Amino acid sequence: MSNSELTRLLVTICTYNECENLQALIEEVHRFAPDAHVLVIDDNSPDGTGQMADELASHDKRIRVLHRSGKQGLGSATVAGFRYGVEQAYEQLINLDADFSHHPRYIPELRACLESADVGIGSRYVSGGGVVGWSWIRHLMSRGINCYARIMLGLPNRDNSGSYRCYRVAKLALLDFDQVRSRGYSFQEEILFMCRIVGCRFREVPILFEDRRAGSSKINWKESVMALWIIFRLALDRLTRRRVTKVRFLAINK
């Protein structure tokens, strides 16, 4: 593929205390997508992740850094990346976790999804996908939340809670991000719900989700309970046709 044919891609990485992973992760992103711009969205990490990102950006013009004043939640950080992607008129946007649980080797397949869809989902729960390093309790929780989201929100995908996705930015531009309720992990289901409302087509490709290489997980039981509650509220929105787009609410009863 020649330089003139490369799609303008933004890869967003939301960070909080990911100093041990960040440099190696960005190197791997550029190994599989050398044309990608990487936006690091850091919530004032005490371990110096933001400063490391600035140092990396000073040596590589493909890296950008967005500093936020404190830990404001994964959902709001991801929205900040979406807003940046829309404002800068990128064509594709990939979001991946900062801890290597989403390996960059899947980026080419996720980008290829947009040839026939608007959102490509790196899926743990389609044939060929899977998870490494989880306890049976975490497996049960993840399967349960995905089943719950499919029933409550009418989402057609097998994996609605994972965040490793490639979005068509023109579709993200239709969404009213001010309407987003979630600040934590339920954001992943909410944004798919909003994308479905604006008529997005979804495609899932298998990935192997690997538990983090370094650092500690941010998931806790309070986040899980909050996710269940927000998905329930979104289900009520589905019934009452709450407006979530910049143009109009498209009724979905399929």
C-alpha atoms as a PDB file:
ATOM      1  CA  MET A   1       0.000   0.000   0.000  1.00  0.00           C
ATOM      2  CA  SER A   2       1.472   3.381  -1.001  1.00  0.00           C
ATOM      3  CA  ASN A   3       1.572   6.356   1.361  1.00  0.00           C
ATOM      4  CA  SER A   4      -1.165   8.082  -0.667  1.00  0.00           C
ATOM      5  CA  GLU A   5      -3.498   5.116  -0.065  1.00  0.00           C
ATOM      6  CA  LEU A   6      -3.048   4.937   3.707  1.00  0.00           C
ATOM      7  CA  THR A   7      -6.152   5.705   5.719  1.00  0.00           C
ATOM      8  CA  ARG A   8      -5.769   8.407   8.379  1.00  0.00           C
ATOM      9  CA  LEU A   9      -5.828   6.393  11.588  1.00  0.00           C
ATOM     10  CA  LEU A  10      -5.866   7.582  15.192  1.00  0.00           C
ATOM     11  CA  VAL A  11      -5.087   5.092  17.967  1.00  0.00           C
ATOM     12  CA  THR A  12      -6.231   6.266  21.405  1.00  0.00           C
ATOM     13  CA  ILE A  13      -4.708   4.922  24.622  1.00  0.00           C
ATOM     14  CA  CYS A  14      -6.232   5.973  27.954  1.00  0.00           C
ATOM     15  CA  THR A  15      -3.685   5.803  30.753  1.00  0.00           C
ATOM     16  CA  TYR A  16      -3.525   5.909  34.517  1.00  0.00           C
ATOM     17  CA  ASN A  17      -0.310   4.551  36.029  1.00  0.00           C
ATOM     18  CA  GLU A  18       0.826   2.695  32.901  1.00  0.00           C
ATOM     19  CA  CYS A  19       4.461   3.796  32.857  1.00  0.00           C
ATOM     20  CA  GLU A  20       5.674   0.187  32.702  1.00  0.00           C
ATOM     21  CA  ASN A  21       3.725  -0.578  29.513  1.00  0.00           C
ATOM     22  CA  LEU A  22       3.420   2.620  27.482  1.00  0.00           C
ATOM     23  CA  GLN A  23       6.635   2.814  25.472  1.00  0.00           C
ATOM     24  CA  ALA A  24       6.616  -0.853  24.441  1.00  0.00           C
ATOM     25  CA  LEU A  25       2.925  -0.642  23.533  1.00  0.00           C
ATOM     26  CA  ILE A  26       3.374   2.374  21.252  1.00  0.00           C
ATOM     27  CA  GLU A  27       6.315   0.660  19.561  1.00  0.00           C
ATOM     28  CA  GLU A  28       4.094  -2.350  18.853  1.00  0.00           C
ATOM     29  CA  VAL A  29       1.286  -0.123  17.554  1.00  0.00           C
ATOM     30  CA  HIS A  30       3.680   1.414  15.037  1.00  0.00           C
ATOM     31  CA  ARG A  31       5.024  -2.010  14.116  1.00  0.00           C
ATOM     32  CA  PHE A  32       1.564  -3.049  12.894  1.00  0.00           C
ATOM     33  CA  ALA A  33       0.306   0.412  11.831  1.00  0.00           C
ATOM     34  CA  PRO A  34       3.316   2.607  10.977  1.00  0.00           C
ATOM     35  CA  ASP A  35       1.019   5.329   9.612  1.00  0.00           C
ATOM     36  CA  ALA A  36      -1.017   5.635  12.821  1.00  0.00           C
ATOM     37  CA  HIS A  37      -1.083   8.689  15.023  1.00  0.00           C
ATOM     38  CA  VAL A  38      -1.203   7.703  18.703  1.00  0.00           C
ATOM     39  CA  LEU A  39      -3.073   9.871  21.212  1.00  0.00           C
ATOM     40  CA  VAL A  40      -2.198   9.180  24.851  1.00  0.00           C
ATOM     41  CA  ILE A  41      -4.942  10.451  27.187  1.00  0.00           C
ATOM     42  CA  ASP A  42      -3.436  10.590  30.657  1.00  0.00           C
ATOM     43  CA  ASP A  43      -5.362  11.329  33.863  1.00  0.00           C
ATOM     44  CA  ASN A  44      -2.443  12.890  35.743  1.00  0.00           C
ATOM     45  CA  SER A  45      -0.870   9.515  36.579  1.00  0.00           C
ATOM     46  CA  PRO A  46       1.169   9.654  39.804  1.00  0.00           C
ATOM     47  CA  ASP A  47       3.743   7.250  38.340  1.00  0.00           C
ATOM     48  CA  GLY A  48       4.805   9.727  35.639  1.00  0.00           C
ATOM     49  CA  THR A  49       3.020   8.149  32.656  1.00  0.00           C
ATOM     50  CA  GLY A  50       2.101  11.589  31.312  1.00  0.00           C
ATOM     51  CA  GLN A  51       5.682  12.821  31.470  1.00  0.00           C
ATOM     52  CA  MET A  52       6.883   9.677  29.710  1.00  0.00           C
ATOM     53  CA  ALA A  53       4.299  10.259  26.977  1.00  0.00           C
ATOM     54  CA  ASP A  54       5.564  13.823  26.507  1.00  0.00           C
ATOM     55  CA  GLU A  55       9.122  12.533  26.179  1.00  0.00           C
ATOM     56  CA  LEU A  56       8.078   9.957  23.573  1.00  0.00           C
ATOM     57  CA  ALA A  57       6.123  12.624  21.666  1.00  0.00           C
ATOM     58  CA  SER A  58       9.167  14.910  21.570  1.00  0.00           C
ATOM     59  CA  HIS A  59      10.990  12.248  19.538  1.00  0.00           C
ATOM     60  CA  ASP A  60       8.135  10.995  17.339  1.00  0.00           C
ATOM     61  CA  LYS A  61       5.759  13.334  15.507  1.00  0.00           C
ATOM     62  CA  ARG A  62       3.161  10.526  15.283  1.00  0.00           C
ATOM     63  CA  ILE A  63       2.542  10.708  19.057  1.00  0.00           C
ATOM     64  CA  ARG A  64       0.229  13.221  20.706  1.00  0.00           C
ATOM     65  CA  VAL A  65      -0.571  13.648  24.411  1.00  0.00           C
ATOM     66  CA  LEU A  66      -3.710  14.910  26.116  1.00  0.00           C
ATOM     67  CA  HIS A  67      -3.246  15.717  29.806  1.00  0.00           C
ATOM     68  CA  ARG A  68      -6.259  15.743  32.108  1.00  0.00           C
ATOM     69  CA  SER A  69      -6.364  17.167  35.615  1.00  0.00           C
ATOM     70  CA  GLY A  70      -7.086  13.918  37.460  1.00  0.00           C
ATOM     71  CA  LYS A  71      -8.658  10.473  37.360  1.00  0.00           C
ATOM     72  CA  GLN A  72     -12.024  11.157  35.709  1.00  0.00           C
ATOM     73  CA  GLY A  73     -12.927   7.668  34.503  1.00  0.00           C
ATOM     74  CA  LEU A  74     -12.338   5.486  31.474  1.00  0.00           C
ATOM     75  CA  GLY A  75     -15.553   6.557  29.765  1.00  0.00           C
ATOM     76  CA  SER A  76     -14.805  10.272  29.845  1.00  0.00           C
ATOM     77  CA  ALA A  77     -11.208   9.637  28.754  1.00  0.00           C
ATOM     78  CA  THR A  78     -12.400   7.620  25.762  1.00  0.00           C
ATOM     79  CA  VAL A  79     -14.895  10.351  24.862  1.00  0.00           C
ATOM     80  CA  ALA A  80     -12.043  12.869  24.956  1.00  0.00           C
ATOM     81  CA  GLY A  81     -10.250  10.716  22.391  1.00  0.00           C
ATOM     82  CA  PHE A  82     -13.369  10.494  20.239  1.00  0.00           C
ATOM     83  CA  ARG A  83     -13.790  14.262  20.303  1.00  0.00           C
ATOM     84  CA  TYR A  84     -10.178  14.712  19.253  1.00  0.00           C
ATOM     85  CA  GLY A  85     -10.582  12.232  16.400  1.00  0.00           C
ATOM     86  CA  VAL A  86     -13.691  14.020  15.121  1.00  0.00           C
ATOM     87  CA  GLU A  87     -12.159  17.491  15.468  1.00  0.00           C
ATOM     88  CA  GLN A  88      -9.001  16.460  13.620  1.00  0.00           C
ATOM     89  CA  ALA A  89     -10.988  14.712  10.870  1.00  0.00           C
ATOM     90  CA  TYR A  90      -9.407  11.274  11.102  1.00  0.00           C
ATOM     91  CA  GLU A  91     -11.094   8.524   9.097  1.00  0.00           C
ATOM     92  CA  GLN A  92     -10.605   5.618  11.494  1.00  0.00           C
ATOM     93  CA  LEU A  93     -10.164   5.472  15.265  1.00  0.00           C
ATOM     94  CA  ILE A  94      -8.954   2.483  17.242  1.00  0.00           C
ATOM     95  CA  ASN A  95      -9.149   2.350  21.019  1.00  0.00           C
ATOM     96  CA  LEU A  96      -7.025  -0.144  22.927  1.00  0.00           C
ATOM     97  CA  ASP A  97      -6.109  -0.744  26.550  1.00  0.00           C
ATOM     98  CA  ALA A  98      -2.740   0.450  27.789  1.00  0.00           C
ATOM     99  CA  ASP A  99      -1.793  -2.811  29.532  1.00  0.00           C
ATOM    100  CA  PHE A 100      -1.136  -5.088  26.510  1.00  0.00           C
ATOM    101  CA  SER A 101      -4.372  -7.025  27.071  1.00  0.00           C
ATOM    102  CA  HIS A 102      -5.246  -5.758  23.578  1.00  0.00           C
ATOM    103  CA  HIS A 103      -2.284  -6.714  21.443  1.00  0.00           C
ATOM    104  CA  PRO A 104      -1.592  -4.391  18.492  1.00  0.00           C
ATOM    105  CA  ARG A 105      -1.123  -7.369  16.150  1.00  0.00           C
ATOM    106  CA  TYR A 106      -4.903  -7.305  15.594  1.00  0.00           C
ATOM    107  CA  ILE A 107      -4.932  -3.722  14.296  1.00  0.00           C
ATOM    108  CA  PRO A 108      -4.763  -4.664  10.575  1.00  0.00           C
ATOM    109  CA  GLU A 109      -7.799  -6.973  10.921  1.00  0.00           C
ATOM    110  CA  LEU A 110      -9.779  -4.350  12.819  1.00  0.00           C
ATOM    111  CA  ARG A 111      -9.034  -1.747  10.145  1.00  0.00           C
ATOM    112  CA  ALA A 112     -10.128  -4.180   7.440  1.00  0.00           C
ATOM    113  CA  CYS A 113     -13.518  -4.485   9.170  1.00  0.00           C
ATOM    114  CA  LEU A 114     -14.409  -0.977   8.024  1.00  0.00           C
ATOM    115  CA  GLU A 115     -14.491  -2.160   4.414  1.00  0.00           C
ATOM    116  CA  SER A 116     -17.924  -3.630   5.201  1.00  0.00           C
ATOM    117  CA  ALA A 117     -18.881  -2.181   8.608  1.00  0.00           C
ATOM    118  CA  ASP A 118     -18.743   0.998  10.680  1.00  0.00           C
ATOM    119  CA  VAL A 119     -17.454  -0.539  13.905  1.00  0.00           C
ATOM    120  CA  GLY A 120     -14.974  -3.400  14.015  1.00  0.00           C
ATOM    121  CA  ILE A 121     -14.970  -5.230  17.350  1.00  0.00           C
ATOM    122  CA  GLY A 122     -12.069  -7.250  18.679  1.00  0.00           C
ATOM    123  CA  SER A 123     -14.129 -10.098  20.093  1.00  0.00           C
ATOM    124  CA  ARG A 124     -13.240 -12.634  22.780  1.00  0.00           C
ATOM    125  CA  TYR A 125     -16.487 -14.527  22.236  1.00  0.00           C
ATOM    126  CA  VAL A 126     -16.588 -15.458  18.557  1.00  0.00           C
ATOM    127  CA  SER A 127     -14.941 -18.529  17.072  1.00  0.00           C
ATOM    128  CA  GLY A 128     -11.178 -18.173  17.360  1.00  0.00           C
ATOM    129  CA  GLY A 129     -11.327 -15.649  20.190  1.00  0.00           C
ATOM    130  CA  GLY A 130     -10.577 -16.219  23.847  1.00  0.00           C
ATOM    131  CA  VAL A 131      -9.149 -15.032  27.147  1.00  0.00           C
ATOM    132  CA  VAL A 132      -5.906 -15.946  28.913  1.00  0.00           C
ATOM    133  CA  GLY A 133      -5.197 -15.449  32.606  1.00  0.00           C
ATOM    134  CA  TRP A 134      -8.688 -14.940  34.075  1.00  0.00           C
ATOM    135  CA  SER A 135     -10.253 -16.624  37.084  1.00  0.00           C
ATOM    136  CA  TRP A 136     -13.553 -18.442  36.614  1.00  0.00           C
ATOM    137  CA  ILE A 137     -15.289 -15.637  38.533  1.00  0.00           C
ATOM    138  CA  ARG A 138     -14.086 -13.020  36.071  1.00  0.00           C
ATOM    139  CA  HIS A 139     -15.115 -15.235  33.147  1.00  0.00           C
ATOM    140  CA  LEU A 140     -18.582 -15.554  34.659  1.00  0.00           C
ATOM    141  CA  MET A 141     -18.886 -11.809  35.251  1.00  0.00           C
ATOM    142  CA  SER A 142     -17.847 -10.970  31.698  1.00  0.00           C
ATOM    143  CA  ARG A 143     -20.182 -13.511  30.095  1.00  0.00           C
ATOM    144  CA  GLY A 144     -22.997 -12.313  32.308  1.00  0.00           C
ATOM    145  CA  ILE A 145     -22.596  -8.629  31.507  1.00  0.00           C
ATOM    146  CA  ASN A 146     -22.497  -9.384  27.778  1.00  0.00           C
ATOM    147  CA  CYS A 147     -25.685 -11.434  27.944  1.00  0.00           C
ATOM    148  CA  TYR A 148     -27.319  -8.691  30.027  1.00  0.00           C
ATOM    149  CA  ALA A 149     -26.327  -6.003  27.495  1.00  0.00           C
ATOM    150  CA  ARG A 150     -27.641  -8.023  24.546  1.00  0.00           C
ATOM    151  CA  ILE A 151     -31.007  -8.482  26.237  1.00  0.00           C
ATOM    152  CA  MET A 152     -31.405  -5.005  27.724  1.00  0.00           C
ATOM    153  CA  LEU A 153     -29.995  -2.927  24.859  1.00  0.00           C
ATOM    154  CA  GLY A 154     -30.755  -5.118  21.856  1.00  0.00           C
ATOM    155  CA  LEU A 155     -27.089  -5.313  20.869  1.00  0.00           C
ATOM    156  CA  PRO A 156     -26.372  -8.032  18.312  1.00  0.00           C
ATOM    157  CA  ASN A 157     -22.702  -8.682  19.090  1.00  0.00           C
ATOM    158  CA  ARG A 158     -21.166 -11.482  21.129  1.00  0.00           C
ATOM    159  CA  ASP A 159     -18.678  -9.129  22.798  1.00  0.00           C
ATOM    160  CA  ASN A 160     -20.130  -5.771  23.858  1.00  0.00           C
ATOM    161  CA  SER A 161     -17.996  -5.080  26.925  1.00  0.00           C
ATOM    162  CA  GLY A 162     -14.531  -5.156  25.372  1.00  0.00           C
ATOM    163  CA  SER A 163     -13.022  -1.838  24.340  1.00  0.00           C
ATOM    164  CA  TYR A 164     -10.712  -2.994  21.518  1.00  0.00           C
ATOM    165  CA  ARG A 165     -12.548  -1.547  18.528  1.00  0.00           C
ATOM    166  CA  CYS A 166     -12.099   0.344  15.287  1.00  0.00           C
ATOM    167  CA  TYR A 167     -14.664   3.070  14.572  1.00  0.00           C
ATOM    168  CA  ARG A 168     -15.524   4.977  11.435  1.00  0.00           C
ATOM    169  CA  VAL A 169     -15.031   8.552  12.646  1.00  0.00           C
ATOM    170  CA  ALA A 170     -17.781   9.912  10.369  1.00  0.00           C
ATOM    171  CA  LYS A 171     -20.236   7.841  12.423  1.00  0.00           C
ATOM    172  CA  LEU A 172     -18.798   8.997  15.748  1.00  0.00           C
ATOM    173  CA  ALA A 173     -19.359  12.557  14.529  1.00  0.00           C
ATOM    174  CA  LEU A 174     -23.124  11.903  14.585  1.00  0.00           C
ATOM    175  CA  LEU A 175     -23.164  11.160  18.302  1.00  0.00           C
ATOM    176  CA  ASP A 176     -23.922  13.683  21.021  1.00  0.00           C
ATOM    177  CA  PHE A 177     -21.192  12.881  23.533  1.00  0.00           C
ATOM    178  CA  ASP A 178     -22.777  15.209  26.083  1.00  0.00           C
ATOM    179  CA  GLN A 179     -25.508  12.573  26.447  1.00  0.00           C
ATOM    180  CA  VAL A 180     -23.105   9.836  27.587  1.00  0.00           C
ATOM    181  CA  ARG A 181     -24.003   8.627  31.086  1.00  0.00           C
ATOM    182  CA  SER A 182     -21.099   6.272  31.780  1.00  0.00           C
ATOM    183  CA  ARG A 183     -17.801   7.242  33.350  1.00  0.00           C
ATOM    184  CA  GLY A 184     -16.490   3.739  33.905  1.00  0.00           C
ATOM    185  CA  TYR A 185     -16.619   0.345  32.205  1.00  0.00           C
ATOM    186  CA  SER A 186     -20.291   0.465  31.163  1.00  0.00           C
ATOM    187  CA  PHE A 187     -19.185   3.046  28.605  1.00  0.00           C
ATOM    188  CA  GLN A 188     -18.318   0.200  26.241  1.00  0.00           C
ATOM    189  CA  GLU A 189     -21.909  -1.023  26.047  1.00  0.00           C
ATOM    190  CA  GLU A 190     -23.304   2.503  25.985  1.00  0.00           C
ATOM    191  CA  ILE A 191     -21.244   3.647  23.019  1.00  0.00           C
ATOM    192  CA  LEU A 192     -22.277   0.574  20.997  1.00  0.00           C
ATOM    193  CA  PHE A 193     -25.902   1.320  21.889  1.00  0.00           C
ATOM    194  CA  MET A 194     -25.468   4.879  20.615  1.00  0.00           C
ATOM    195  CA  CYS A 195     -23.690   3.661  17.475  1.00  0.00           C
ATOM    196  CA  ARG A 196     -26.543   1.282  16.745  1.00  0.00           C
ATOM    197  CA  ILE A 197     -29.009   4.142  17.031  1.00  0.00           C
ATOM    198  CA  VAL A 198     -27.240   6.025  14.228  1.00  0.00           C
ATOM    199  CA  GLY A 199     -27.340   2.936  12.025  1.00  0.00           C
ATOM    200  CA  CYS A 200     -23.826   1.566  12.441  1.00  0.00           C
ATOM    201  CA  ARG A 201     -23.028  -1.849  11.028  1.00  0.00           C
ATOM    202  CA  PHE A 202     -20.939  -4.074  13.308  1.00  0.00           C
ATOM    203  CA  ARG A 203     -18.420  -6.769  12.532  1.00  0.00           C
ATOM    204  CA  GLU A 204     -16.534  -8.918  15.037  1.00  0.00           C
ATOM    205  CA  VAL A 205     -13.091 -10.427  14.535  1.00  0.00           C
ATOM    206  CA  PRO A 206     -11.537 -12.882  17.008  1.00  0.00           C
ATOM    207  CA  ILE A 207      -8.843 -11.716  19.413  1.00  0.00           C
ATOM    208  CA  LEU A 208      -7.021 -13.390  22.270  1.00  0.00           C
ATOM    209  CA  PHE A 209      -7.393 -11.191  25.338  1.00  0.00           C
ATOM    210  CA  GLU A 210      -4.314 -11.526  27.553  1.00  0.00           C
ATOM    211  CA  ASP A 211      -4.297 -10.337  31.153  1.00  0.00           C
ATOM    212  CA  ARG A 212      -2.096  -7.308  31.785  1.00  0.00           C
ATOM    213  CA  ARG A 213       1.692  -7.694  31.621  1.00  0.00           C
ATOM    214  CA  ALA A 214       2.506  -5.151  34.317  1.00  0.00           C
ATOM    215  CA  GLY A 215       0.751  -2.870  36.813  1.00  0.00           C
ATOM    216  CA  SER A 216      -2.558  -3.522  38.535  1.00  0.00           C
ATOM    217  CA  SER A 217      -6.107  -3.848  37.220  1.00  0.00           C
ATOM    218  CA  LYS A 218      -8.542  -0.949  37.755  1.00  0.00           C
ATOM    219  CA  ILE A 219     -11.629  -3.240  37.832  1.00  0.00           C
ATOM    220  CA  ASN A 220     -13.495  -3.585  41.132  1.00  0.00           C
ATOM    221  CA  TRP A 221     -16.926  -4.713  42.332  1.00  0.00           C
ATOM    222  CA  LYS A 222     -18.228  -1.147  42.609  1.00  0.00           C
ATOM    223  CA  GLU A 223     -17.502  -0.595  38.905  1.00  0.00           C
ATOM    224  CA  SER A 224     -19.344  -3.824  38.070  1.00  0.00           C
ATOM    225  CA  VAL A 225     -22.446  -2.858  40.051  1.00  0.00           C
ATOM    226  CA  MET A 226     -22.453   0.620  38.497  1.00  0.00           C
ATOM    227  CA  ALA A 227     -22.221  -0.925  35.024  1.00  0.00           C
ATOM    228  CA  LEU A 228     -25.324  -3.046  35.662  1.00  0.00           C
ATOM    229  CA  TRP A 229     -27.244  -0.005  36.883  1.00  0.00           C
ATOM    230  CA  ILE A 230     -26.270   2.209  33.930  1.00  0.00           C
ATOM    231  CA  ILE A 231     -27.172  -0.488  31.396  1.00  0.00           C
ATOM    232  CA  PHE A 232     -30.574  -0.770  33.092  1.00  0.00           C
ATOM    233  CA  ARG A 233     -31.041   3.007  32.750  1.00  0.00           C
ATOM    234  CA  LEU A 234     -30.027   2.794  29.094  1.00  0.00           C
ATOM    235  CA  ALA A 235     -32.665   0.096  28.602  1.00  0.00           C
ATOM    236  CA  LEU A 236     -35.233   2.572  29.908  1.00  0.00           C
ATOM    237  CA  ASP A 237     -33.856   5.131  27.446  1.00  0.00           C
ATOM    238  CA  ARG A 238     -34.391   2.577  24.702  1.00  0.00           C
ATOM    239  CA  LEU A 239     -38.047   2.299  25.684  1.00  0.00           C
ATOM    240  CA  THR A 240     -38.567   6.070  25.923  1.00  0.00           C
ATOM    241  CA  ARG A 241     -36.539   6.926  22.775  1.00  0.00           C
ATOM    242  CA  ARG A 242     -34.122   9.265  24.557  1.00  0.00           C
ATOM    243  CA  ARG A 243     -32.318  11.530  22.089  1.00  0.00           C
ATOM    244  CA  VAL A 244     -28.639  10.581  21.872  1.00  0.00           C
ATOM    245  CA  THR A 245     -27.607  11.876  18.467  1.00  0.00           C
ATOM    246  CA  LYS A 246     -26.929  15.285  17.045  1.00  0.00           C
ATOM    247  CA  VAL A 247     -29.690  14.840  14.509  1.00  0.00           C
ATOM    248  CA  ARG A 248     -32.487  12.529  15.518  1.00  0.00           C
ATOM    249  CA  PHE A 249     -33.278   9.373  17.462  1.00  0.00           C
ATOM    250  CA  LEU A 250     -33.792   6.380  15.201  1.00  0.00           C
ATOM    251  CA  ALA A 251     -36.282   3.954  16.705  1.00  0.00           C
ATOM    252  CA  ILE A 252     -34.795   0.479  17.100  1.00  0.00           C
ATOM    253  CA  ASN A 253     -37.018  -2.429  17.959  1.00  0.00           C
ATOM    254  CA  LYS A 254     -35.343  -5.229  16.111  1.00  0.00           C
END
